[in-house]
Protein backbone atom coordinates (compact mmCIF):
# COMPACT_ATOMS: atom_id res chain seq x y z
CA MET A 1 54.34 104.23 13.07
CA ASP A 2 53.88 102.99 16.09
CA THR A 3 55.81 105.03 19.12
CA PHE A 4 58.37 101.87 20.18
CA THR A 5 59.57 101.99 15.97
CA VAL A 6 59.86 105.59 15.77
CA VAL A 7 62.40 105.15 18.99
CA ALA A 8 63.97 102.52 18.03
CA ASP A 9 65.79 105.25 15.52
CA PRO A 10 69.50 105.87 17.21
CA THR A 11 69.43 109.58 15.40
CA ARG A 12 65.58 109.98 16.73
CA ARG A 13 66.98 109.18 20.21
CA ARG A 14 69.32 111.64 19.64
CA ILE A 15 66.98 114.01 19.21
CA LEU A 16 65.15 113.03 22.24
CA GLU A 17 68.02 113.28 24.54
CA GLN A 18 68.85 116.71 23.56
CA LEU A 19 65.45 118.02 24.18
CA ARG A 20 64.95 116.12 27.48
CA GLU A 21 67.58 118.65 28.74
CA ARG A 22 65.31 121.42 27.94
CA GLU A 23 63.53 122.62 24.36
CA HIS A 24 65.50 123.77 20.77
CA THR A 25 64.15 125.01 17.37
CA VAL A 26 66.10 123.15 14.68
CA GLY A 27 69.09 125.16 14.29
CA GLU A 28 70.10 124.09 17.53
CA LEU A 29 69.57 120.61 17.36
CA VAL A 30 71.49 121.10 13.57
CA GLY A 31 74.36 122.39 15.63
CA ALA A 32 74.53 120.05 18.43
CA LEU A 33 73.78 116.58 16.78
CA GLY A 34 76.37 117.25 13.57
CA LEU A 35 73.21 116.38 11.41
CA ASN A 36 71.96 118.77 8.36
CA GLN A 37 68.54 120.56 8.44
CA PRO A 38 66.58 118.24 6.29
CA THR A 39 67.40 115.14 8.24
CA VAL A 40 66.69 117.01 11.77
CA SER A 41 63.68 118.27 10.03
CA LYS A 42 62.61 114.53 8.72
CA HIS A 43 63.33 113.23 11.89
CA LEU A 44 61.19 116.17 14.20
CA ARG A 45 58.18 115.35 12.01
CA VAL A 46 58.13 111.76 12.88
CA LEU A 47 58.71 112.57 16.06
CA ARG A 48 55.81 115.26 16.60
CA ASP A 49 53.25 112.57 14.21
CA ALA A 50 54.22 109.69 16.87
CA ARG A 51 52.85 112.27 19.52
CA LEU A 52 56.69 112.34 21.04
CA VAL A 53 57.48 116.08 20.70
CA SER A 54 55.70 119.27 20.08
CA SER A 55 56.30 122.43 18.71
CA ALA A 56 55.39 125.72 19.55
CA VAL A 57 56.43 128.90 16.95
CA ASP A 58 58.34 131.59 18.39
CA ALA A 59 58.64 134.29 16.14
CA GLN A 60 59.99 132.63 12.66
CA ARG A 61 61.50 129.76 14.82
CA ARG A 62 60.09 126.71 16.10
CA ARG A 63 60.84 125.44 19.22
CA TYR A 64 60.62 121.60 19.68
CA GLN A 65 59.73 120.08 23.17
CA ILE A 66 59.20 116.56 24.89
CA ASP A 67 55.72 115.63 25.01
CA ALA A 68 55.44 113.50 27.93
CA GLU A 69 52.19 111.94 26.63
CA GLY A 70 53.03 110.48 24.25
CA PHE A 71 55.37 108.48 25.91
CA ARG A 72 52.51 106.88 28.02
CA GLU A 73 52.67 103.75 25.52
CA ILE A 74 56.09 103.16 26.46
CA ASP A 75 55.73 103.49 30.30
CA GLU A 76 53.14 101.31 30.48
CA TRP A 77 54.96 98.87 29.25
CA ILE A 78 57.78 99.63 31.20
CA ASP A 79 55.83 99.20 34.13
CA ALA A 80 55.04 95.37 33.66
CA PHE A 81 59.06 95.19 34.01
CA ARG A 82 58.58 97.03 37.01
CA LYS A 83 56.38 95.01 38.89
CA LEU A 84 58.27 92.14 37.61
CA TRP A 85 61.70 94.14 39.02
CA SER A 86 59.84 95.37 42.11
CA THR A 87 58.79 91.68 42.97
CA ARG A 88 62.25 90.12 42.79
CA LEU A 89 63.92 92.93 44.68
CA ASP A 90 61.37 92.76 47.78
CA ALA A 91 62.21 88.57 47.93
CA LEU A 92 66.11 89.40 47.61
CA GLU A 93 65.19 92.05 50.53
CA ALA A 94 63.21 89.49 52.53
CA HIS A 95 65.68 86.81 51.94
CA LEU A 96 68.33 89.65 53.04
CA ASP A 97 66.60 90.08 56.64
CA ARG A 98 66.57 86.44 57.12
CA SER A 99 69.92 85.64 56.12
CA LYS A 100 71.12 88.64 59.15
CA SER A 101 69.07 86.80 62.01
């Protein structure tokens, strides 16, 4: 499954938003999201397969965190739009500077 399809799911985006703040165990995510454990685990597996999250074993629990490397594809896609807006904002700034004169 490609990265864009993975993040298109609202539940997975909610999980990513939780993990953006700090790492969590499955149990913590279940509590924060109000979902059952099998659902959270299923979505975490999809996110892990897409390399958007990684996990580390902590005693008998797994702690999940964002894997920034997995967001590279999204960032590269957004970069084209970022450049578009940057060019337009530069043109607006130049126009406003000319208007002040």
